[in-house]
Amino acid sequence: MNETPSAAEELSWRKSSYSGGAGGECVEVADCVRAICVRDSKDTSRPAFSVATAAWTAFVSFAAQ
């Protein structure tokens, strides 16, 4: 899925609670209209990409094991 947020779309970006305060290798996620948007926390000016909500849920469930 390639649904990047539009410039007018206000997103509530969040990082994992496991992320350090130094802002190292982190990604931020936000709920988009029909997907989960993902961006690099070190360079938020770059475009975000998106994945289907079901795919993101499967990824997080697998990663939490």
C-alpha atoms as a PDB file:
ATOM      1  CA  MET A   1       0.000   0.000   0.000  1.00  0.00           C
ATOM      2  CA  ASN A   2       1.370   3.396  -0.876  1.00  0.00           C
ATOM      3  CA  GLU A   3      -0.900   5.841   0.928  1.00  0.00           C
ATOM      4  CA  THR A   4       1.324   8.641   2.149  1.00  0.00           C
ATOM      5  CA  PRO A   5      -0.347  11.322   4.213  1.00  0.00           C
ATOM      6  CA  SER A   6      -1.241  14.522   2.422  1.00  0.00           C
ATOM      7  CA  ALA A   7       0.236  17.816   3.556  1.00  0.00           C
ATOM      8  CA  ALA A   8      -3.149  18.851   4.959  1.00  0.00           C
ATOM      9  CA  GLU A   9      -3.578  15.682   7.002  1.00  0.00           C
ATOM     10  CA  GLU A  10      -2.655  16.172  10.661  1.00  0.00           C
ATOM     11  CA  LEU A  11      -1.201  12.971  12.079  1.00  0.00           C
ATOM     12  CA  SER A  12      -0.466  12.057  15.654  1.00  0.00           C
ATOM     13  CA  TRP A  13       2.993  10.488  15.413  1.00  0.00           C
ATOM     14  CA  ARG A  14       4.238   8.225  18.217  1.00  0.00           C
ATOM     15  CA  LYS A  15       7.367   6.218  19.032  1.00  0.00           C
ATOM     16  CA  SER A  16       7.760   3.000  20.949  1.00  0.00           C
ATOM     17  CA  SER A  17       8.066   3.340  24.710  1.00  0.00           C
ATOM     18  CA  TYR A  18      11.265   1.284  24.304  1.00  0.00           C
ATOM     19  CA  SER A  19      12.915   4.085  22.313  1.00  0.00           C
ATOM     20  CA  GLY A  20      15.733   5.898  24.053  1.00  0.00           C
ATOM     21  CA  GLY A  21      15.604   9.619  24.694  1.00  0.00           C
ATOM     22  CA  ALA A  22      18.597  10.264  22.442  1.00  0.00           C
ATOM     23  CA  GLY A  23      16.546   9.798  19.261  1.00  0.00           C
ATOM     24  CA  GLY A  24      18.723   7.049  17.780  1.00  0.00           C
ATOM     25  CA  GLU A  25      17.427   4.511  15.273  1.00  0.00           C
ATOM     26  CA  CYS A  26      13.705   4.976  15.771  1.00  0.00           C
ATOM     27  CA  VAL A  27      10.665   5.006  13.595  1.00  0.00           C
ATOM     28  CA  GLU A  28       7.444   6.817  14.310  1.00  0.00           C
ATOM     29  CA  VAL A  29       3.989   5.541  13.421  1.00  0.00           C
ATOM     30  CA  ALA A  30       0.639   7.243  12.986  1.00  0.00           C
ATOM     31  CA  ASP A  31      -2.868   6.087  12.152  1.00  0.00           C
ATOM     32  CA  CYS A  32      -3.783   7.149   8.609  1.00  0.00           C
ATOM     33  CA  VAL A  33      -7.186   6.851   6.994  1.00  0.00           C
ATOM     34  CA  ARG A  34      -6.843   3.249   5.774  1.00  0.00           C
ATOM     35  CA  ALA A  35      -3.324   2.330   6.908  1.00  0.00           C
ATOM     36  CA  ILE A  36      -0.514   2.820   9.374  1.00  0.00           C
ATOM     37  CA  CYS A  37       1.998   5.483   8.319  1.00  0.00           C
ATOM     38  CA  VAL A  38       5.664   5.015   9.188  1.00  0.00           C
ATOM     39  CA  ARG A  39       8.510   7.557   9.097  1.00  0.00           C
ATOM     40  CA  ASP A  40      12.110   7.961  10.191  1.00  0.00           C
ATOM     41  CA  SER A  41      12.239   9.853  13.493  1.00  0.00           C
ATOM     42  CA  LYS A  42      15.670  11.274  12.653  1.00  0.00           C
ATOM     43  CA  ASP A  43      14.480  12.898   9.418  1.00  0.00           C
ATOM     44  CA  THR A  44      10.796  13.719   9.669  1.00  0.00           C
ATOM     45  CA  SER A  45      10.937  15.924   6.565  1.00  0.00           C
ATOM     46  CA  ARG A  46      11.262  12.838   4.360  1.00  0.00           C
ATOM     47  CA  PRO A  47       8.063  11.243   3.075  1.00  0.00           C
ATOM     48  CA  ALA A  48       6.359   8.610   5.201  1.00  0.00           C
ATOM     49  CA  PHE A  49       5.272   5.279   3.824  1.00  0.00           C
ATOM     50  CA  SER A  50       2.243   3.276   4.779  1.00  0.00           C
ATOM     51  CA  VAL A  51       1.283  -0.329   5.308  1.00  0.00           C
ATOM     52  CA  ALA A  52      -2.112  -1.963   5.559  1.00  0.00           C
ATOM     53  CA  THR A  53      -3.442  -2.055   9.103  1.00  0.00           C
ATOM     54  CA  ALA A  54      -3.692  -5.866   9.062  1.00  0.00           C
ATOM     55  CA  ALA A  55      -0.062  -6.185   7.914  1.00  0.00           C
ATOM     56  CA  TRP A  56       1.121  -3.805  10.653  1.00  0.00           C
ATOM     57  CA  THR A  57      -0.843  -5.746  13.300  1.00  0.00           C
ATOM     58  CA  ALA A  58       0.720  -9.017  12.120  1.00  0.00           C
ATOM     59  CA  PHE A  59       4.213  -7.454  12.184  1.00  0.00           C
ATOM     60  CA  VAL A  60       3.790  -6.084  15.724  1.00  0.00           C
ATOM     61  CA  SER A  61       2.365  -9.396  16.968  1.00  0.00           C
ATOM     62  CA  PHE A  62       5.304 -11.292  15.464  1.00  0.00           C
ATOM     63  CA  ALA A  63       7.862  -8.815  16.840  1.00  0.00           C
ATOM     64  CA  ALA A  64       6.363  -9.043  20.342  1.00  0.00           C
ATOM     65  CA  GLN A  65       6.960 -12.803  20.557  1.00  0.00           C
END
